[in-house]
Amino acid sequence: MYKKKKNDTTLRVQANAELLDFLMTKVGGTRTSLKNLLGRRVVNVNGSVQTRHDTPLHTGDTVTIVATRGNAELKHPKLRVVYEDDDLIVVEKKPGLLTAPVSKDSAETTALSILRQYVRRQDRKGEVYLVHRLDRETSGVLVFAKSQELREYMRTYWAELVKDRCYIAVAEGVFAKQEDTITSWFTEDNRNAMVYSSPVDDGGQKAVTQYKVLKTMGNYSLVELHLETGRTNQIRVHLASIGHPVVGDRKYGHGNDHSPLDRLALHAKEIALIHPVTEKVVRFNAPTPKLFLTVNRHDPDGK
C-alpha cells in the first residue's frame, strides 16, 4: 500500500446524518460558511469529492477536509473530471487531445497541461503526474496521480493494481466469431513507430485481448474489448491483424478515406483498479460515444 504524509482533517462518522449537519457538529461555523466550503470542493466522503449539503452519511463513513485552496471546477471542451480525491484525478478525454507532450519543449495543449493549470488554481504548489496514456484520437478514461511518489508507485505496480480495462471500438466488417481471445507477440519498429504482430512467439512481447461483438451495423461491428496485457496500440494492432481494423485508423487500417466517422472509433470506456491509498477496488467509466452507435447512418454505402 502506498503511504503518504498529509495535513488534511479526517473525521469518522459515528451516526447517520446529512453532511451539512455533521460538519456543523464537528467543524462549527454557519450554514452559509459550510456551504461555501462544500462549494470549494474540498470536502471528501470516503475519498470522493462532495458538494451537496444533503449528502447522506452512514456510520463508519470517513469525511475529509482537504488542506488545499479548493478544487475549482474544470471547464474544458476536451476534458471532463470523472473523479477526484486527495490522490487521484480521473478524467474523460475527448478525441484529438494528446495525453501528454511528445517533447519537453512542446507548447501544445494536452490533458496533462490542462490538469496542471486546474490543480494550480486551487494550490499554487499543486501538481499532477501522468500514470498511463491514451492515443491522441482515442477518447475515454485516463488516470493521473497528484504526487510524483504516487505516480512511480502506480507505474511500478500497474499490472497488479489494474483489474479490468474495457474499450469500445467500431471495427470494419462483420466478424465470423462473435467473441474470441486474440493472442500474439508484438515487436515495435522505432524507425517508423509501428507495432508488428506475430501469431507465434518470435521473441516479442505477448499481447492478449478479449473481444465480444455487441452489435453489427451494416458493414461495421460495435465491439467490446478487455485487455489482459497493456501493449502499445494493442487493440488497434490486434483488430487489424484479424482483418477488422478500427474505423478511422490511419496507422493500421484504412484511415478516414474509408471511414464514415471523422475520428478513430476507439474509446476507453472503463477502468477498474485498486485505489493505491484506500486499497479498495474503484471503477471509473465514460459513456460510449453516441456516434459509435449510428456509424452506418453516416456511411453513404451503409445499410
Protein backbone atom coordinates (compact mmCIF):
# COMPACT_ATOMS: atom_id res chain seq x y z
CA MET A 1 0.00 0.00 0.00
CA TYR A 2 1.24 3.49 -0.88
CA LYS A 3 1.82 5.71 2.18
CA LYS A 4 1.96 9.49 2.20
CA LYS A 5 2.16 12.45 4.55
CA LYS A 6 -0.82 14.79 4.63
CA ASN A 7 -2.27 17.63 6.68
CA ASP A 8 -5.92 17.01 5.86
CA THR A 9 -8.58 16.84 8.58
CA THR A 10 -10.24 13.42 8.69
CA LEU A 11 -13.39 12.73 10.68
CA ARG A 12 -15.17 9.44 11.32
CA VAL A 13 -18.97 9.34 11.17
CA GLN A 14 -20.44 7.85 14.33
CA ALA A 15 -24.13 8.02 13.39
CA ASN A 16 -26.22 8.50 10.24
CA ALA A 17 -26.61 12.18 9.33
CA GLU A 18 -26.61 14.64 6.44
CA LEU A 19 -23.23 16.11 5.53
CA LEU A 20 -24.00 19.71 6.46
CA ASP A 21 -25.38 18.78 9.89
CA PHE A 22 -22.31 16.60 10.51
CA LEU A 23 -19.96 19.45 9.60
CA MET A 24 -21.81 21.90 11.84
CA THR A 25 -21.39 19.50 14.75
CA LYS A 26 -17.75 18.58 14.11
CA VAL A 27 -16.31 21.72 12.49
CA GLY A 28 -18.59 24.53 13.55
CA GLY A 29 -19.43 27.71 11.68
CA THR A 30 -22.57 28.95 9.98
CA ARG A 31 -24.57 27.03 7.40
CA THR A 32 -23.51 29.60 4.80
CA SER A 33 -19.79 29.25 5.55
CA LEU A 34 -20.01 25.46 5.42
CA LYS A 35 -21.92 25.54 2.13
CA ASN A 36 -19.14 27.75 0.78
CA LEU A 37 -16.64 25.15 1.97
CA LEU A 38 -18.53 22.47 0.06
CA GLY A 39 -18.65 24.72 -2.99
CA ARG A 40 -14.85 24.92 -2.97
CA ARG A 41 -14.82 21.13 -3.46
CA VAL A 42 -12.52 20.45 -0.51
CA VAL A 43 -14.81 18.02 1.35
CA ASN A 44 -14.47 14.34 0.52
CA VAL A 45 -16.68 11.50 1.70
CA ASN A 46 -14.93 8.12 1.56
CA GLY A 47 -12.39 9.66 -0.84
CA SER A 48 -14.90 11.20 -3.25
CA VAL A 49 -15.46 14.96 -3.57
CA GLN A 50 -18.91 16.01 -2.36
CA THR A 51 -20.57 19.40 -2.88
CA ARG A 52 -24.19 18.69 -1.86
CA HIS A 53 -25.03 19.71 1.69
CA ASP A 54 -27.67 16.97 1.95
CA THR A 55 -25.30 14.12 1.08
CA PRO A 56 -26.29 11.22 3.36
CA LEU A 57 -23.62 9.91 5.72
CA HIS A 58 -23.63 6.50 7.36
CA THR A 59 -21.92 5.12 10.42
CA GLY A 60 -18.31 4.28 9.58
CA ASP A 61 -18.01 6.76 6.70
CA THR A 62 -14.94 8.99 6.55
CA VAL A 63 -15.21 12.74 5.93
CA THR A 64 -12.01 14.51 4.92
CA ILE A 65 -11.44 18.26 4.58
CA VAL A 66 -8.58 18.65 2.13
CA ALA A 67 -5.75 21.00 3.11
CA THR A 68 -5.69 22.93 -0.19
CA ARG A 69 -7.24 26.11 -1.54
CA GLY A 70 -10.05 24.09 -3.05
CA ASN A 71 -10.85 22.38 -6.33
CA ALA A 72 -12.01 24.92 -8.88
CA GLU A 73 -14.39 23.40 -11.39
CA LEU A 74 -12.70 22.24 -14.60
CA LYS A 75 -14.41 23.58 -17.72
CA HIS A 76 -12.80 22.44 -20.95
CA PRO A 77 -14.41 21.10 -24.14
CA LYS A 78 -11.83 18.31 -24.46
CA LEU A 79 -11.58 17.17 -20.84
CA ARG A 80 -14.07 16.30 -18.08
CA VAL A 81 -13.30 15.32 -14.48
CA VAL A 82 -14.87 11.96 -13.69
CA TYR A 83 -13.47 11.57 -10.18
CA GLU A 84 -11.09 13.40 -7.87
CA ASP A 85 -9.75 12.85 -4.37
CA ASP A 86 -6.59 13.72 -2.45
CA ASP A 87 -4.51 11.31 -4.52
CA LEU A 88 -6.01 10.81 -7.99
CA ILE A 89 -7.70 12.72 -10.78
CA VAL A 90 -9.66 10.63 -13.27
CA VAL A 91 -10.82 12.33 -16.45
CA GLU A 92 -12.66 11.63 -19.68
CA LYS A 93 -10.52 12.74 -22.63
CA LYS A 94 -12.11 13.67 -25.93
CA PRO A 95 -10.56 12.65 -29.27
CA GLY A 96 -7.95 14.99 -30.74
CA LEU A 97 -6.28 15.83 -27.41
CA LEU A 98 -2.82 14.50 -26.60
CA THR A 99 -2.42 12.87 -23.20
CA ALA A 100 0.98 14.50 -22.59
CA PRO A 101 3.57 16.47 -24.59
CA VAL A 102 5.66 14.48 -27.07
CA SER A 103 8.71 16.57 -26.18
CA LYS A 104 9.81 18.79 -23.30
CA ASP A 105 9.75 21.96 -25.41
CA SER A 106 6.29 21.32 -26.88
CA ALA A 107 3.77 24.12 -26.35
CA GLU A 108 0.75 22.07 -27.48
CA THR A 109 -2.20 21.86 -25.13
CA THR A 110 -2.51 18.38 -23.62
CA ALA A 111 -4.61 16.66 -20.97
CA LEU A 112 -1.63 16.95 -18.63
CA SER A 113 -1.18 20.70 -19.19
CA ILE A 114 -4.91 21.36 -18.72
CA LEU A 115 -4.92 19.46 -15.43
CA ARG A 116 -1.78 21.23 -14.20
CA GLN A 117 -3.48 24.58 -14.67
CA TYR A 118 -6.57 23.20 -12.96
CA VAL A 119 -4.81 21.99 -9.80
CA ARG A 120 -2.70 25.16 -9.57
CA ARG A 121 -5.83 27.27 -9.43
CA GLN A 122 -6.55 25.57 -6.12
CA ASP A 123 -2.96 25.31 -4.88
CA ARG A 124 -0.02 27.15 -6.44
CA LYS A 125 2.24 24.25 -5.48
CA GLY A 126 -0.18 21.64 -6.75
CA GLU A 127 0.98 19.15 -9.37
CA VAL A 128 -0.38 16.30 -11.42
CA TYR A 129 1.54 13.39 -12.95
CA LEU A 130 0.93 11.05 -15.85
CA VAL A 131 0.20 7.41 -14.92
CA HIS A 132 -0.80 5.96 -18.31
CA ARG A 133 -1.68 7.20 -21.81
CA LEU A 134 -4.35 7.14 -24.48
CA ASP A 135 -3.55 7.85 -28.13
CA ARG A 136 -4.44 11.32 -29.38
CA GLU A 137 -7.50 10.10 -31.29
CA THR A 138 -8.67 7.66 -28.62
CA SER A 139 -11.25 9.02 -26.19
CA GLY A 140 -12.13 7.82 -22.71
CA VAL A 141 -10.93 7.34 -19.15
CA LEU A 142 -7.46 8.49 -18.04
CA VAL A 143 -5.94 8.31 -14.54
CA PHE A 144 -3.47 10.87 -13.15
CA ALA A 145 -1.65 10.98 -9.80
CA LYS A 146 -1.28 14.06 -7.61
CA SER A 147 2.26 13.30 -6.44
CA GLN A 148 5.39 12.02 -8.12
CA GLU A 149 5.82 9.32 -5.49
CA LEU A 150 2.32 8.01 -6.11
CA ARG A 151 2.88 8.12 -9.87
CA GLU A 152 6.01 6.00 -9.53
CA TYR A 153 4.22 3.57 -7.22
CA MET A 154 1.31 3.16 -9.63
CA ARG A 155 3.58 2.70 -12.63
CA THR A 156 5.63 0.09 -10.81
CA TYR A 157 2.58 -1.91 -9.71
CA TRP A 158 0.23 -1.03 -12.58
CA ALA A 159 -0.30 -4.63 -13.64
CA GLU A 160 -1.27 -5.61 -10.09
CA LEU A 161 -3.42 -2.52 -9.46
CA VAL A 162 -5.49 -2.68 -12.64
CA LYS A 163 -8.27 -5.27 -12.52
CA ASP A 164 -10.02 -4.50 -15.80
CA ARG A 165 -9.70 -2.19 -18.80
CA CYS A 166 -12.70 -2.11 -21.11
CA TYR A 167 -12.70 -0.44 -24.52
CA ILE A 168 -15.40 0.05 -27.14
CA ALA A 169 -14.49 0.15 -30.81
CA VAL A 170 -16.23 0.32 -34.15
CA ALA A 171 -14.42 -2.16 -36.40
CA GLU A 172 -14.66 -2.67 -40.12
CA GLY A 173 -16.57 -5.68 -41.43
CA VAL A 174 -18.69 -8.44 -39.94
CA PHE A 175 -16.95 -10.83 -37.53
CA ALA A 176 -17.09 -14.59 -38.14
CA LYS A 177 -16.74 -15.19 -34.36
CA GLN A 178 -18.95 -13.19 -32.02
CA GLU A 179 -16.37 -13.45 -29.26
CA ASP A 180 -12.81 -14.68 -29.01
CA THR A 181 -9.39 -14.07 -27.48
CA ILE A 182 -6.61 -12.69 -29.67
CA THR A 183 -3.09 -13.69 -28.62
CA SER A 184 0.05 -12.63 -30.44
CA TRP A 185 3.56 -11.26 -29.91
CA PHE A 186 4.36 -7.61 -30.58
CA THR A 187 7.55 -6.11 -31.92
CA GLU A 188 7.97 -2.33 -32.11
CA ASP A 189 9.87 -0.77 -35.01
CA ASN A 190 11.24 2.56 -33.79
CA ARG A 191 12.13 3.63 -37.32
CA ASN A 192 8.52 4.02 -38.39
CA ALA A 193 6.82 3.95 -34.96
CA MET A 194 4.85 0.86 -35.95
CA VAL A 195 3.99 -2.25 -33.96
CA TYR A 196 4.05 -5.60 -35.73
CA SER A 197 2.12 -8.67 -34.59
CA SER A 198 3.17 -12.30 -34.90
CA PRO A 199 0.78 -15.22 -34.22
CA VAL A 200 3.74 -17.26 -32.94
CA ASP A 201 6.28 -16.43 -30.26
CA ASP A 202 9.07 -14.65 -32.13
CA GLY A 203 10.66 -13.12 -29.05
CA GLY A 204 8.33 -10.15 -28.93
CA GLN A 205 6.02 -9.06 -26.09
CA LYS A 206 2.98 -11.24 -25.55
CA ALA A 207 -0.30 -9.38 -26.07
CA VAL A 208 -3.75 -10.72 -25.16
CA THR A 209 -7.10 -9.11 -25.96
CA GLN A 210 -10.58 -10.50 -25.37
CA TYR A 211 -13.36 -9.22 -27.61
CA LYS A 212 -17.12 -9.55 -27.91
CA VAL A 213 -19.27 -8.23 -30.76
CA LEU A 214 -22.10 -6.17 -29.28
CA LYS A 215 -23.84 -5.16 -32.49
CA THR A 216 -23.49 -5.47 -36.24
CA MET A 217 -24.34 -2.29 -38.15
CA GLY A 218 -24.23 -2.83 -41.90
CA ASN A 219 -20.56 -3.11 -42.83
CA TYR A 220 -19.40 -2.34 -39.28
CA SER A 221 -19.29 -4.02 -35.88
CA LEU A 222 -19.52 -2.49 -32.42
CA VAL A 223 -17.03 -4.41 -30.30
CA GLU A 224 -16.28 -4.55 -26.56
CA LEU A 225 -12.67 -5.36 -25.73
CA HIS A 226 -10.90 -6.23 -22.48
CA LEU A 227 -7.13 -6.04 -22.17
CA GLU A 228 -5.21 -8.79 -20.40
CA THR A 229 -1.96 -7.00 -21.27
CA GLY A 230 -1.25 -3.36 -21.97
CA ARG A 231 0.95 -3.13 -25.06
CA THR A 232 1.38 -0.10 -27.30
CA ASN A 233 -1.53 0.22 -29.78
CA GLN A 234 -2.70 -3.23 -28.64
CA ILE A 235 -6.34 -3.04 -29.69
CA ARG A 236 -5.61 -1.32 -32.99
CA VAL A 237 -2.93 -3.86 -33.91
CA HIS A 238 -4.98 -6.87 -32.80
CA LEU A 239 -8.15 -5.90 -34.65
CA ALA A 240 -6.15 -5.11 -37.80
CA SER A 241 -4.38 -8.48 -37.50
CA ILE A 242 -7.69 -10.37 -37.80
CA GLY A 243 -8.91 -8.28 -40.72
CA HIS A 244 -11.17 -5.91 -38.80
CA PRO A 245 -9.23 -2.66 -38.26
CA VAL A 246 -10.69 0.11 -36.12
CA VAL A 247 -12.71 2.55 -38.20
CA GLY A 248 -10.67 5.68 -38.94
CA ASP A 249 -7.31 4.11 -38.07
CA ARG A 250 -4.74 5.84 -40.28
CA LYS A 251 -1.87 3.79 -38.89
CA TYR A 252 -3.09 0.20 -39.00
CA GLY A 253 -6.29 0.46 -41.03
CA HIS A 254 -7.70 2.41 -43.95
CA GLY A 255 -7.91 5.81 -42.24
CA ASN A 256 -10.55 8.40 -42.97
CA ASP A 257 -10.63 7.55 -46.68
CA HIS A 258 -12.79 4.57 -45.76
CA SER A 259 -14.34 5.99 -42.58
CA PRO A 260 -17.84 7.40 -42.13
CA LEU A 261 -16.69 9.00 -38.87
CA ASP A 262 -14.34 11.93 -38.54
CA ARG A 263 -12.29 10.23 -35.84
CA LEU A 264 -10.66 7.00 -34.71
CA ALA A 265 -13.55 4.89 -33.41
CA LEU A 266 -11.85 3.70 -30.21
CA HIS A 267 -12.99 4.62 -26.70
CA ALA A 268 -11.62 3.67 -23.26
CA LYS A 269 -14.97 3.04 -21.60
CA GLU A 270 -13.98 1.76 -18.16
CA ILE A 271 -11.07 1.07 -15.87
CA ALA A 272 -11.24 -0.81 -12.58
CA LEU A 273 -8.27 -0.65 -10.24
CA ILE A 274 -7.22 -0.99 -6.64
CA HIS A 275 -7.01 2.51 -5.19
CA PRO A 276 -3.35 2.79 -4.14
CA VAL A 277 -4.20 4.51 -0.84
CA THR A 278 -7.56 3.09 0.28
CA GLU A 279 -6.82 -0.36 -1.23
CA LYS A 280 -10.46 -0.57 -2.33
CA VAL A 281 -11.40 -1.50 -5.91
CA VAL A 282 -12.72 1.59 -7.68
CA ARG A 283 -14.31 1.67 -11.12
CA PHE A 284 -14.43 4.68 -13.43
CA ASN A 285 -16.26 4.93 -16.72
CA ALA A 286 -17.08 7.22 -19.62
CA PRO A 287 -20.20 6.51 -21.72
CA THR A 288 -19.82 5.09 -25.23
CA PRO A 289 -19.91 7.95 -27.77
CA LYS A 290 -23.36 8.09 -29.37
CA LEU A 291 -21.69 8.43 -32.77
CA PHE A 292 -20.43 4.84 -32.45
CA LEU A 293 -24.00 3.54 -32.28
CA THR A 294 -25.06 5.15 -35.54
CA VAL A 295 -22.00 4.61 -37.72
CA ASN A 296 -23.96 3.07 -40.58
CA ARG A 297 -26.14 6.18 -40.83
CA HIS A 298 -23.05 8.21 -41.68
CA ASP A 299 -21.91 5.77 -44.36
CA PRO A 300 -23.28 6.53 -47.85
CA ASP A 301 -22.72 2.87 -48.73
CA GLY A 302 -24.07 1.56 -45.41
CA LYS A 303 -27.20 -0.49 -44.92
